[in-house]
Every structure is written in C-alpha cells, then in structure tokens.
Amino acid sequence: MPRARVSLVVLYTEHLEECRAFYAALGVPLVPEQHGTGPEHYAAELGKTVVELYPAAGRPTGRARLGLDVEAAETDPPLAPGRHLLTDPDGRTVDVLAH
C-alpha cells in the first residue's frame, strides 16, 4: 500500500514579516521567493517538505496546529529542552519539541 507524505505546507498570513521572524527564530530557514508575477513570499525546505508563508491577500488564514522538532540551542532565544506550545502571529498553535 503506498504511503503518503507531506511535501508542501502553505500558510497564508495577515502578518507576513512577523510570521517570517517567528518561524526563523525557531530555526526554519525561510528565504524570499516569487514565482513569475505571483506574490512575494517566503519558503523553506525542511527535509523533503517545503513550507511557504504567503500574504493572505483576502484569503482566510484559518487555523492549523503545526509541530516542529528543533535544536534548543539554535532557537532565538534558546529554548529549554522539552515541549513548548507557542502561538504564531496569526494565532496558530505551534507545538515545538526542543532537543
């Protein structure tokens, strides 16, 4: 039986720069991108999964709960090892496991 895997996660946000800073502080290596004449956004490769932050531009941002495994010493500020429930600038819960 084939197994599916997540290859793309797109988060629409009313707070693009604030979300970029939030996720970058957790070690998500976001870089600016633009495809053709589409909107400027940010993208990162996390293993085989691409995570993108797009300006909402009238789209509903909705709610999602994300989980990230991070190196505690590489976050800004450094997190204590263990589980942390954080909230991004759009109100999404981010379940962070710091090692």
C-alpha atoms as a PDB file:
ATOM      1  CA  MET A   1       0.000   0.000   0.000  1.00  0.00           C
ATOM      2  CA  PRO A   2       1.509   3.385  -0.959  1.00  0.00           C
ATOM      3  CA  ARG A   3       2.222   5.779   1.876  1.00  0.00           C
ATOM      4  CA  ALA A   4       1.547   9.459   1.532  1.00  0.00           C
ATOM      5  CA  ARG A   5       3.952  12.037   2.906  1.00  0.00           C
ATOM      6  CA  VAL A   6       3.609  15.761   3.360  1.00  0.00           C
ATOM      7  CA  SER A   7       5.543  17.576   0.635  1.00  0.00           C
ATOM      8  CA  LEU A   8       4.132  21.105   0.904  1.00  0.00           C
ATOM      9  CA  VAL A   9       2.635  23.244   3.659  1.00  0.00           C
ATOM     10  CA  VAL A  10       1.414  26.731   2.728  1.00  0.00           C
ATOM     11  CA  LEU A  11       0.451  29.131   5.495  1.00  0.00           C
ATOM     12  CA  TYR A  12      -1.452  32.245   4.494  1.00  0.00           C
ATOM     13  CA  THR A  13      -0.871  35.132   6.849  1.00  0.00           C
ATOM     14  CA  GLU A  14      -2.024  38.670   7.524  1.00  0.00           C
ATOM     15  CA  HIS A  15       1.326  39.195   9.278  1.00  0.00           C
ATOM     16  CA  LEU A  16       3.947  38.069   6.748  1.00  0.00           C
ATOM     17  CA  GLU A  17       7.039  39.691   8.251  1.00  0.00           C
ATOM     18  CA  GLU A  18       6.058  38.854  11.821  1.00  0.00           C
ATOM     19  CA  CYS A  19       5.447  35.202  10.868  1.00  0.00           C
ATOM     20  CA  ARG A  20       8.745  35.073   8.983  1.00  0.00           C
ATOM     21  CA  ALA A  21      10.564  36.335  12.075  1.00  0.00           C
ATOM     22  CA  PHE A  22       8.656  33.922  14.376  1.00  0.00           C
ATOM     23  CA  TYR A  23       9.477  30.817  12.310  1.00  0.00           C
ATOM     24  CA  ALA A  24      13.037  31.968  11.539  1.00  0.00           C
ATOM     25  CA  ALA A  25      13.625  32.303  15.301  1.00  0.00           C
ATOM     26  CA  LEU A  26      12.660  28.615  15.602  1.00  0.00           C
ATOM     27  CA  GLY A  27      15.297  27.695  13.008  1.00  0.00           C
ATOM     28  CA  VAL A  28      13.099  27.486   9.907  1.00  0.00           C
ATOM     29  CA  PRO A  29      15.440  28.697   7.114  1.00  0.00           C
ATOM     30  CA  LEU A  30      12.965  30.912   5.234  1.00  0.00           C
ATOM     31  CA  VAL A  31      14.175  32.665   2.099  1.00  0.00           C
ATOM     32  CA  PRO A  32      12.304  35.163  -0.096  1.00  0.00           C
ATOM     33  CA  GLU A  33      10.736  33.765  -3.292  1.00  0.00           C
ATOM     34  CA  GLN A  34       8.498  34.876  -6.114  1.00  0.00           C
ATOM     35  CA  HIS A  35       7.163  32.705  -8.932  1.00  0.00           C
ATOM     36  CA  GLY A  36       6.675  34.747 -12.098  1.00  0.00           C
ATOM     37  CA  THR A  37       4.286  37.600 -11.358  1.00  0.00           C
ATOM     38  CA  GLY A  38       2.914  35.920  -8.221  1.00  0.00           C
ATOM     39  CA  PRO A  39       3.208  37.447  -4.764  1.00  0.00           C
ATOM     40  CA  GLU A  40       6.487  37.684  -2.924  1.00  0.00           C
ATOM     41  CA  HIS A  41       6.554  35.100  -0.143  1.00  0.00           C
ATOM     42  CA  TYR A  42       8.955  33.032   1.950  1.00  0.00           C
ATOM     43  CA  ALA A  43       9.883  29.367   1.609  1.00  0.00           C
ATOM     44  CA  ALA A  44      11.992  26.799   3.445  1.00  0.00           C
ATOM     45  CA  GLU A  45      12.891  23.179   2.849  1.00  0.00           C
ATOM     46  CA  LEU A  46      12.517  21.012   5.936  1.00  0.00           C
ATOM     47  CA  GLY A  47      13.782  17.643   4.806  1.00  0.00           C
ATOM     48  CA  LYS A  48      11.540  16.718   1.870  1.00  0.00           C
ATOM     49  CA  THR A  49       8.807  19.139   2.916  1.00  0.00           C
ATOM     50  CA  VAL A  50       8.564  22.704   1.616  1.00  0.00           C
ATOM     51  CA  VAL A  51       6.994  25.232   3.973  1.00  0.00           C
ATOM     52  CA  GLU A  52       5.804  28.517   2.476  1.00  0.00           C
ATOM     53  CA  LEU A  53       4.449  31.708   4.028  1.00  0.00           C
ATOM     54  CA  TYR A  54       2.193  33.697   1.685  1.00  0.00           C
ATOM     55  CA  PRO A  55       0.458  37.020   2.222  1.00  0.00           C
ATOM     56  CA  ALA A  56      -3.227  36.336   2.821  1.00  0.00           C
ATOM     57  CA  ALA A  57      -4.358  38.933   0.261  1.00  0.00           C
ATOM     58  CA  GLY A  58      -8.014  38.483   1.212  1.00  0.00           C
ATOM     59  CA  ARG A  59      -7.816  34.687   1.663  1.00  0.00           C
ATOM     60  CA  PRO A  60      -8.915  33.326   5.028  1.00  0.00           C
ATOM     61  CA  THR A  61      -5.908  32.318   7.106  1.00  0.00           C
ATOM     62  CA  GLY A  62      -7.778  29.684   9.099  1.00  0.00           C
ATOM     63  CA  ARG A  63      -6.342  27.716  11.971  1.00  0.00           C
ATOM     64  CA  ALA A  64      -3.781  24.971  11.916  1.00  0.00           C
ATOM     65  CA  ARG A  65      -1.629  23.281  14.500  1.00  0.00           C
ATOM     66  CA  LEU A  66       1.943  22.688  13.471  1.00  0.00           C
ATOM     67  CA  GLY A  67       4.602  20.529  15.076  1.00  0.00           C
ATOM     68  CA  LEU A  68       8.318  21.276  14.825  1.00  0.00           C
ATOM     69  CA  ASP A  69      11.349  19.431  16.194  1.00  0.00           C
ATOM     70  CA  VAL A  70      14.173  21.904  16.801  1.00  0.00           C
ATOM     71  CA  GLU A  71      17.640  22.090  18.277  1.00  0.00           C
ATOM     72  CA  ALA A  72      17.097  24.026  21.523  1.00  0.00           C
ATOM     73  CA  ALA A  73      20.379  25.937  21.293  1.00  0.00           C
ATOM     74  CA  GLU A  74      19.655  27.081  17.717  1.00  0.00           C
ATOM     75  CA  THR A  75      16.422  28.920  18.504  1.00  0.00           C
ATOM     76  CA  ASP A  76      16.355  32.635  19.254  1.00  0.00           C
ATOM     77  CA  PRO A  77      16.129  32.926  22.163  1.00  0.00           C
ATOM     78  CA  PRO A  78      17.351  29.415  23.022  1.00  0.00           C
ATOM     79  CA  LEU A  79      14.549  27.180  24.284  1.00  0.00           C
ATOM     80  CA  ALA A  80      14.880  24.830  27.224  1.00  0.00           C
ATOM     81  CA  PRO A  81      14.797  21.199  26.122  1.00  0.00           C
ATOM     82  CA  GLY A  82      11.279  19.790  26.160  1.00  0.00           C
ATOM     83  CA  ARG A  83       7.861  20.539  24.728  1.00  0.00           C
ATOM     84  CA  HIS A  84       6.652  24.103  24.215  1.00  0.00           C
ATOM     85  CA  LEU A  85       3.254  25.244  22.936  1.00  0.00           C
ATOM     86  CA  LEU A  86       3.770  28.570  21.170  1.00  0.00           C
ATOM     87  CA  THR A  87       1.405  30.804  19.216  1.00  0.00           C
ATOM     88  CA  ASP A  88       2.434  32.387  15.915  1.00  0.00           C
ATOM     89  CA  PRO A  89       1.385  35.938  14.944  1.00  0.00           C
ATOM     90  CA  ASP A  90      -1.783  34.609  13.242  1.00  0.00           C
ATOM     91  CA  GLY A  91      -2.891  32.669  16.326  1.00  0.00           C
ATOM     92  CA  ARG A  92      -1.843  29.200  15.106  1.00  0.00           C
ATOM     93  CA  THR A  93      -0.577  26.808  17.750  1.00  0.00           C
ATOM     94  CA  VAL A  94       2.969  25.598  17.144  1.00  0.00           C
ATOM     95  CA  ASP A  95       3.930  22.504  19.148  1.00  0.00           C
ATOM     96  CA  VAL A  96       7.711  22.708  19.494  1.00  0.00           C
ATOM     97  CA  LEU A  97       9.837  19.828  20.736  1.00  0.00           C
ATOM     98  CA  ALA A  98      13.261  21.209  21.605  1.00  0.00           C
ATOM     99  CA  HIS A  99      16.173  18.751  21.848  1.00  0.00           C
END
